[in-house]
Amino acid sequence: MGKKKTSPEDYEVNRNIAAIMKSKNLSVREVASRMNVPYDRVYKTVNCKRTVFAQELVGFSLALGVSVREIFGI
């Protein structure tokens, strides 16, 4: 079985995270520090180079000061 081809919808959460970061003037480095994760993990997430895993959503919501619902755009 091959790798699943991604579609633009696959990265909607990533784009929402990036937009929230921009609206709050938060850098990748700041968010990574708040989450206690490597810089490249946040960088790749906000640049749609990797998908967001469910277990990371709470970390992003706390680091960004928003609810998980807001990350989903709800």
PDB file of N, CA and C in Angstrom:
ATOM      1  N   MET A   1       0.840  -1.178   0.000  1.00  0.00           N
ATOM      2  CA  MET A   1       0.000   0.000   0.000  1.00  0.00           C
ATOM      3  C   MET A   1       0.882   1.237   0.000  1.00  0.00           C
ATOM      4  N   GLY A   2       0.617   2.163  -0.900  1.00  0.00           N
ATOM      5  CA  GLY A   2       1.431   3.370  -1.038  1.00  0.00           C
ATOM      6  C   GLY A   2       1.001   4.475  -0.083  1.00  0.00           C
ATOM      7  N   LYS A   3       1.782   5.521  -0.123  1.00  0.00           N
ATOM      8  CA  LYS A   3       1.505   6.692   0.706  1.00  0.00           C
ATOM      9  C   LYS A   3       0.268   7.401   0.178  1.00  0.00           C
ATOM     10  N   LYS A   4      -0.605   7.831   1.094  1.00  0.00           N
ATOM     11  CA  LYS A   4      -1.826   8.537   0.719  1.00  0.00           C
ATOM     12  C   LYS A   4      -1.480   9.906   0.150  1.00  0.00           C
ATOM     13  N   LYS A   5      -2.085  10.245  -0.970  1.00  0.00           N
ATOM     14  CA  LYS A   5      -1.897  11.568  -1.558  1.00  0.00           C
ATOM     15  C   LYS A   5      -2.697  12.564  -0.728  1.00  0.00           C
ATOM     16  N   THR A   6      -2.063  13.672  -0.394  1.00  0.00           N
ATOM     17  CA  THR A   6      -2.737  14.673   0.428  1.00  0.00           C
ATOM     18  C   THR A   6      -3.532  15.637  -0.435  1.00  0.00           C
ATOM     19  N   SER A   7      -4.536  16.218   0.185  1.00  0.00           N
ATOM     20  CA  SER A   7      -5.347  17.223  -0.479  1.00  0.00           C
ATOM     21  C   SER A   7      -5.294  18.498   0.360  1.00  0.00           C
ATOM     22  N   PRO A   8      -5.713  19.627  -0.197  1.00  0.00           N
ATOM     23  CA  PRO A   8      -5.674  20.881   0.565  1.00  0.00           C
ATOM     24  C   PRO A   8      -6.435  20.803   1.896  1.00  0.00           C
ATOM     25  N   GLU A   9      -7.515  20.048   1.936  1.00  0.00           N
ATOM     26  CA  GLU A   9      -8.293  19.916   3.164  1.00  0.00           C
ATOM     27  C   GLU A   9      -7.504  19.240   4.281  1.00  0.00           C
ATOM     28  N   ASP A  10      -6.523  18.427   3.913  1.00  0.00           N
ATOM     29  CA  ASP A  10      -5.718  17.727   4.911  1.00  0.00           C
ATOM     30  C   ASP A  10      -4.933  18.699   5.786  1.00  0.00           C
ATOM     31  N   TYR A  11      -4.714  19.913   5.307  1.00  0.00           N
ATOM     32  CA  TYR A  11      -3.887  20.870   6.041  1.00  0.00           C
ATOM     33  C   TYR A  11      -4.671  22.071   6.558  1.00  0.00           C
ATOM     34  N   GLU A  12      -5.995  21.950   6.628  1.00  0.00           N
ATOM     35  CA  GLU A  12      -6.809  23.054   7.122  1.00  0.00           C
ATOM     36  C   GLU A  12      -6.437  23.430   8.553  1.00  0.00           C
ATOM     37  N   VAL A  13      -6.239  22.444   9.409  1.00  0.00           N
ATOM     38  CA  VAL A  13      -5.851  22.710  10.803  1.00  0.00           C
ATOM     39  C   VAL A  13      -4.487  23.396  10.841  1.00  0.00           C
ATOM     40  N   ASN A  14      -3.558  22.951  10.001  1.00  0.00           N
ATOM     41  CA  ASN A  14      -2.235  23.581   9.946  1.00  0.00           C
ATOM     42  C   ASN A  14      -2.359  25.057   9.590  1.00  0.00           C
ATOM     43  N   ARG A  15      -3.172  25.342   8.582  1.00  0.00           N
ATOM     44  CA  ARG A  15      -3.359  26.732   8.167  1.00  0.00           C
ATOM     45  C   ARG A  15      -4.036  27.550   9.258  1.00  0.00           C
ATOM     46  N   ASN A  16      -4.958  26.939   9.989  1.00  0.00           N
ATOM     47  CA  ASN A  16      -5.601  27.640  11.105  1.00  0.00           C
ATOM     48  C   ASN A  16      -4.585  27.970  12.192  1.00  0.00           C
ATOM     49  N   ILE A  17      -3.703  27.032  12.508  1.00  0.00           N
ATOM     50  CA  ILE A  17      -2.663  27.275  13.504  1.00  0.00           C
ATOM     51  C   ILE A  17      -1.775  28.428  13.052  1.00  0.00           C
ATOM     52  N   ALA A  18      -1.364  28.405  11.799  1.00  0.00           N
ATOM     53  CA  ALA A  18      -0.515  29.476  11.270  1.00  0.00           C
ATOM     54  C   ALA A  18      -1.223  30.825  11.341  1.00  0.00           C
ATOM     55  N   ALA A  19      -2.505  30.853  11.020  1.00  0.00           N
ATOM     56  CA  ALA A  19      -3.265  32.108  11.059  1.00  0.00           C
ATOM     57  C   ALA A  19      -3.397  32.629  12.490  1.00  0.00           C
ATOM     58  N   ILE A  20      -3.627  31.742  13.437  1.00  0.00           N
ATOM     59  CA  ILE A  20      -3.724  32.149  14.845  1.00  0.00           C
ATOM     60  C   ILE A  20      -2.388  32.700  15.314  1.00  0.00           C
ATOM     61  N   MET A  21      -1.306  32.004  14.950  1.00  0.00           N
ATOM     62  CA  MET A  21       0.032  32.494  15.318  1.00  0.00           C
ATOM     63  C   MET A  21       0.259  33.894  14.766  1.00  0.00           C
ATOM     64  N   LYS A  22      -0.114  34.106  13.512  1.00  0.00           N
ATOM     65  CA  LYS A  22       0.080  35.413  12.885  1.00  0.00           C
ATOM     66  C   LYS A  22      -0.755  36.483  13.585  1.00  0.00           C
ATOM     67  N   SER A  23      -2.004  36.156  13.900  1.00  0.00           N
ATOM     68  CA  SER A  23      -2.885  37.129  14.542  1.00  0.00           C
ATOM     69  C   SER A  23      -2.408  37.505  15.946  1.00  0.00           C
ATOM     70  N   LYS A  24      -1.693  36.591  16.590  1.00  0.00           N
ATOM     71  CA  LYS A  24      -1.174  36.841  17.943  1.00  0.00           C
ATOM     72  C   LYS A  24       0.301  37.238  17.923  1.00  0.00           C
ATOM     73  N   ASN A  25       0.839  37.391  16.707  1.00  0.00           N
ATOM     74  CA  ASN A  25       2.240  37.781  16.534  1.00  0.00           C
ATOM     75  C   ASN A  25       3.192  36.827  17.272  1.00  0.00           C
ATOM     76  N   LEU A  26       2.938  35.522  17.132  1.00  0.00           N
ATOM     77  CA  LEU A  26       3.768  34.500  17.771  1.00  0.00           C
ATOM     78  C   LEU A  26       4.670  33.853  16.728  1.00  0.00           C
ATOM     79  N   SER A  27       5.927  33.728  17.060  1.00  0.00           N
ATOM     80  CA  SER A  27       6.879  33.088  16.156  1.00  0.00           C
ATOM     81  C   SER A  27       6.849  31.569  16.331  1.00  0.00           C
ATOM     82  N   VAL A  28       7.389  30.884  15.351  1.00  0.00           N
ATOM     83  CA  VAL A  28       7.530  29.428  15.435  1.00  0.00           C
ATOM     84  C   VAL A  28       8.366  29.076  16.659  1.00  0.00           C
ATOM     85  N   ARG A  29       9.437  29.807  16.869  1.00  0.00           N
ATOM     86  CA  ARG A  29      10.323  29.540  18.010  1.00  0.00           C
ATOM     87  C   ARG A  29       9.585  29.691  19.340  1.00  0.00           C
ATOM     88  N   GLU A  30       8.758  30.735  19.460  1.00  0.00           N
ATOM     89  CA  GLU A  30       8.002  30.966  20.690  1.00  0.00           C
ATOM     90  C   GLU A  30       7.006  29.840  20.952  1.00  0.00           C
ATOM     91  N   VAL A  31       6.279  29.436  19.920  1.00  0.00           N
ATOM     92  CA  VAL A  31       5.296  28.359  20.081  1.00  0.00           C
ATOM     93  C   VAL A  31       5.998  27.044  20.417  1.00  0.00           C
ATOM     94  N   ALA A  32       7.089  26.746  19.743  1.00  0.00           N
ATOM     95  CA  ALA A  32       7.842  25.525  20.036  1.00  0.00           C
ATOM     96  C   ALA A  32       8.335  25.528  21.475  1.00  0.00           C
ATOM     97  N   SER A  33       8.804  26.676  21.940  1.00  0.00           N
ATOM     98  CA  SER A  33       9.273  26.790  23.322  1.00  0.00           C
ATOM     99  C   SER A  33       8.128  26.562  24.304  1.00  0.00           C
ATOM    100  N   ARG A  34       6.989  27.168  24.039  1.00  0.00           N
ATOM    101  CA  ARG A  34       5.822  27.002  24.913  1.00  0.00           C
ATOM    102  C   ARG A  34       5.343  25.557  24.949  1.00  0.00           C
ATOM    103  N   MET A  35       5.497  24.850  23.827  1.00  0.00           N
ATOM    104  CA  MET A  35       5.061  23.456  23.738  1.00  0.00           C
ATOM    105  C   MET A  35       6.135  22.483  24.198  1.00  0.00           C
ATOM    106  N   ASN A  36       7.362  22.995  24.350  1.00  0.00           N
ATOM    107  CA  ASN A  36       8.503  22.150  24.703  1.00  0.00           C
ATOM    108  C   ASN A  36       8.718  21.044  23.655  1.00  0.00           C
ATOM    109  N   VAL A  37       8.679  21.463  22.387  1.00  0.00           N
ATOM    110  CA  VAL A  37       8.915  20.547  21.267  1.00  0.00           C
ATOM    111  C   VAL A  37       9.978  21.167  20.368  1.00  0.00           C
ATOM    112  N   PRO A  38      10.594  20.378  19.497  1.00  0.00           N
ATOM    113  CA  PRO A  38      11.599  20.932  18.584  1.00  0.00           C
ATOM    114  C   PRO A  38      11.010  21.972  17.628  1.00  0.00           C
ATOM    115  N   TYR A  39      11.808  22.973  17.330  1.00  0.00           N
ATOM    116  CA  TYR A  39      11.440  24.049  16.398  1.00  0.00           C
ATOM    117  C   TYR A  39      10.914  23.489  15.085  1.00  0.00           C
ATOM    118  N   ASP A  40      11.617  22.493  14.533  1.00  0.00           N
ATOM    119  CA  ASP A  40      11.246  21.987  13.203  1.00  0.00           C
ATOM    120  C   ASP A  40       9.878  21.334  13.189  1.00  0.00           C
ATOM    121  N   ARG A  41       9.413  20.818  14.319  1.00  0.00           N
ATOM    122  CA  ARG A  41       8.081  20.210  14.359  1.00  0.00           C
ATOM    123  C   ARG A  41       7.011  21.287  14.132  1.00  0.00           C
ATOM    124  N   VAL A  42       7.152  22.425  14.801  1.00  0.00           N
ATOM    125  CA  VAL A  42       6.188  23.513  14.626  1.00  0.00           C
ATOM    126  C   VAL A  42       6.361  24.130  13.245  1.00  0.00           C
ATOM    127  N   TYR A  43       7.605  24.331  12.817  1.00  0.00           N
ATOM    128  CA  TYR A  43       7.881  24.906  11.492  1.00  0.00           C
ATOM    129  C   TYR A  43       7.215  24.072  10.392  1.00  0.00           C
ATOM    130  N   LYS A  44       7.423  22.765  10.435  1.00  0.00           N
ATOM    131  CA  LYS A  44       6.850  21.891   9.411  1.00  0.00           C
ATOM    132  C   LYS A  44       5.329  21.868   9.492  1.00  0.00           C
ATOM    133  N   THR A  45       4.796  21.988  10.689  1.00  0.00           N
ATOM    134  CA  THR A  45       3.342  22.003  10.862  1.00  0.00           C
ATOM    135  C   THR A  45       2.742  23.241  10.221  1.00  0.00           C
ATOM    136  N   VAL A  46       3.261  24.419  10.548  1.00  0.00           N
ATOM    137  CA  VAL A  46       2.655  25.654  10.032  1.00  0.00           C
ATOM    138  C   VAL A  46       2.928  25.856   8.539  1.00  0.00           C
ATOM    139  N   ASN A  47       3.915  25.167   8.007  1.00  0.00           N
ATOM    140  CA  ASN A  47       4.215  25.257   6.578  1.00  0.00           C
ATOM    141  C   ASN A  47       3.666  24.059   5.802  1.00  0.00           C
ATOM    142  N   CYS A  48       2.757  23.326   6.427  1.00  0.00           N
ATOM    143  CA  CYS A  48       2.052  22.196   5.800  1.00  0.00           C
ATOM    144  C   CYS A  48       2.996  21.127   5.252  1.00  0.00           C
ATOM    145  N   LYS A  49       4.075  20.882   5.973  1.00  0.00           N
ATOM    146  CA  LYS A  49       5.019  19.830   5.592  1.00  0.00           C
ATOM    147  C   LYS A  49       4.777  18.554   6.403  1.00  0.00           C
ATOM    148  N   ARG A  50       3.881  18.640   7.398  1.00  0.00           N
ATOM    149  CA  ARG A  50       3.483  17.477   8.190  1.00  0.00           C
ATOM    150  C   ARG A  50       2.091  17.737   8.726  1.00  0.00           C
ATOM    151  N   THR A  51       1.369  16.677   8.968  1.00  0.00           N
ATOM    152  CA  THR A  51       0.028  16.830   9.530  1.00  0.00           C
ATOM    153  C   THR A  51       0.112  16.974  11.042  1.00  0.00           C
ATOM    154  N   VAL A  52      -0.943  17.493  11.616  1.00  0.00           N
ATOM    155  CA  VAL A  52      -1.027  17.642  13.071  1.00  0.00           C
ATOM    156  C   VAL A  52      -1.632  16.368  13.631  1.00  0.00           C
ATOM    157  N   PHE A  53      -0.995  15.810  14.641  1.00  0.00           N
ATOM    158  CA  PHE A  53      -1.520  14.615  15.293  1.00  0.00           C
ATOM    159  C   PHE A  53      -2.474  15.020  16.400  1.00  0.00           C
ATOM    160  N   ALA A  54      -3.475  14.199  16.648  1.00  0.00           N
ATOM    161  CA  ALA A  54      -4.505  14.510  17.638  1.00  0.00           C
ATOM    162  C   ALA A  54      -3.897  14.847  19.000  1.00  0.00           C
ATOM    163  N   GLN A  55      -2.871  14.123  19.394  1.00  0.00           N
ATOM    164  CA  GLN A  55      -2.276  14.349  20.712  1.00  0.00           C
ATOM    165  C   GLN A  55      -1.532  15.682  20.800  1.00  0.00           C
ATOM    166  N   GLU A  56      -1.295  16.338  19.675  1.00  0.00           N
ATOM    167  CA  GLU A  56      -0.623  17.639  19.670  1.00  0.00           C
ATOM    168  C   GLU A  56      -1.596  18.811  19.794  1.00  0.00           C
ATOM    169  N   LEU A  57      -2.874  18.574  19.567  1.00  0.00           N
ATOM    170  CA  LEU A  57      -3.847  19.659  19.538  1.00  0.00           C
ATOM    171  C   LEU A  57      -3.935  20.418  20.855  1.00  0.00           C
ATOM    172  N   VAL A  58      -3.913  19.722  21.965  1.00  0.00           N
ATOM    173  CA  VAL A  58      -3.986  20.397  23.264  1.00  0.00           C
ATOM    174  C   VAL A  58      -2.744  21.251  23.474  1.00  0.00           C
ATOM    175  N   GLY A  59      -1.577  20.743  23.109  1.00  0.00           N
ATOM    176  CA  GLY A  59      -0.344  21.518  23.225  1.00  0.00           C
ATOM    177  C   GLY A  59      -0.399  22.792  22.409  1.00  0.00           C
ATOM    178  N   PHE A  60      -0.894  22.685  21.179  1.00  0.00           N
ATOM    179  CA  PHE A  60      -1.031  23.877  20.349  1.00  0.00           C
ATOM    180  C   PHE A  60      -2.048  24.839  20.958  1.00  0.00           C
ATOM    181  N   SER A  61      -3.163  24.331  21.440  1.00  0.00           N
ATOM    182  CA  SER A  61      -4.182  25.222  21.998  1.00  0.00           C
ATOM    183  C   SER A  61      -3.661  25.963  23.219  1.00  0.00           C
ATOM    184  N   LEU A  62      -2.924  25.283  24.078  1.00  0.00           N
ATOM    185  CA  LEU A  62      -2.351  25.940  25.258  1.00  0.00           C
ATOM    186  C   LEU A  62      -1.288  26.964  24.863  1.00  0.00           C
ATOM    187  N   ALA A  63      -0.443  26.590  23.925  1.00  0.00           N
ATOM    188  CA  ALA A  63       0.631  27.497  23.487  1.00  0.00           C
ATOM    189  C   ALA A  63       0.074  28.740  22.796  1.00  0.00           C
ATOM    190  N   LEU A  64      -1.051  28.586  22.110  1.00  0.00           N
ATOM    191  CA  LEU A  64      -1.641  29.689  21.373  1.00  0.00           C
ATOM    192  C   LEU A  64      -2.679  30.467  22.178  1.00  0.00           C
ATOM    193  N   GLY A  65      -3.090  29.893  23.303  1.00  0.00           N
ATOM    194  CA  GLY A  65      -4.096  30.550  24.130  1.00  0.00           C
ATOM    195  C   GLY A  65      -5.482  30.539  23.512  1.00  0.00           C
ATOM    196  N   VAL A  66      -5.807  29.464  22.808  1.00  0.00           N
ATOM    197  CA  VAL A  66      -7.122  29.304  22.184  1.00  0.00           C
ATOM    198  C   VAL A  66      -7.639  27.914  22.490  1.00  0.00           C
ATOM    199  N   SER A  67      -8.917  27.688  22.194  1.00  0.00           N
ATOM    200  CA  SER A  67      -9.490  26.359  22.383  1.00  0.00           C
ATOM    201  C   SER A  67      -9.160  25.466  21.190  1.00  0.00           C
ATOM    202  N   VAL A  68      -9.274  24.178  21.393  1.00  0.00           N
ATOM    203  CA  VAL A  68      -9.097  23.229  20.289  1.00  0.00           C
ATOM    204  C   VAL A  68     -10.151  23.494  19.221  1.00  0.00           C
ATOM    205  N   ARG A  69     -11.347  23.876  19.640  1.00  0.00           N
ATOM    206  CA  ARG A  69     -12.413  24.209  18.683  1.00  0.00           C
ATOM    207  C   ARG A  69     -11.965  25.338  17.751  1.00  0.00           C
ATOM    208  N   GLU A  70     -11.285  26.322  18.303  1.00  0.00           N
ATOM    209  CA  GLU A  70     -10.804  27.445  17.478  1.00  0.00           C
ATOM    210  C   GLU A  70      -9.765  26.969  16.466  1.00  0.00           C
ATOM    211  N   ILE A  71      -8.925  26.033  16.878  1.00  0.00           N
ATOM    212  CA  ILE A  71      -7.936  25.477  15.957  1.00  0.00           C
ATOM    213  C   ILE A  71      -8.629  24.777  14.788  1.00  0.00           C
ATOM    214  N   PHE A  72      -9.748  24.138  15.078  1.00  0.00           N
ATOM    215  CA  PHE A  72     -10.521  23.481  14.024  1.00  0.00           C
ATOM    216  C   PHE A  72     -11.357  24.468  13.216  1.00  0.00           C
ATOM    217  N   GLY A  73     -11.384  25.716  13.660  1.00  0.00           N
ATOM    218  CA  GLY A  73     -12.155  26.725  12.945  1.00  0.00           C
ATOM    219  C   GLY A  73     -13.635  26.664  13.240  1.00  0.00           C
ATOM    220  N   ILE A  74     -13.977  26.120  14.403  1.00  0.00           N
ATOM    221  CA  ILE A  74     -15.389  25.972  14.792  1.00  0.00           C
ATOM    222  C   ILE A  74     -15.815  27.161  15.629  1.00  0.00           C
TER     223      ILE A  74
END
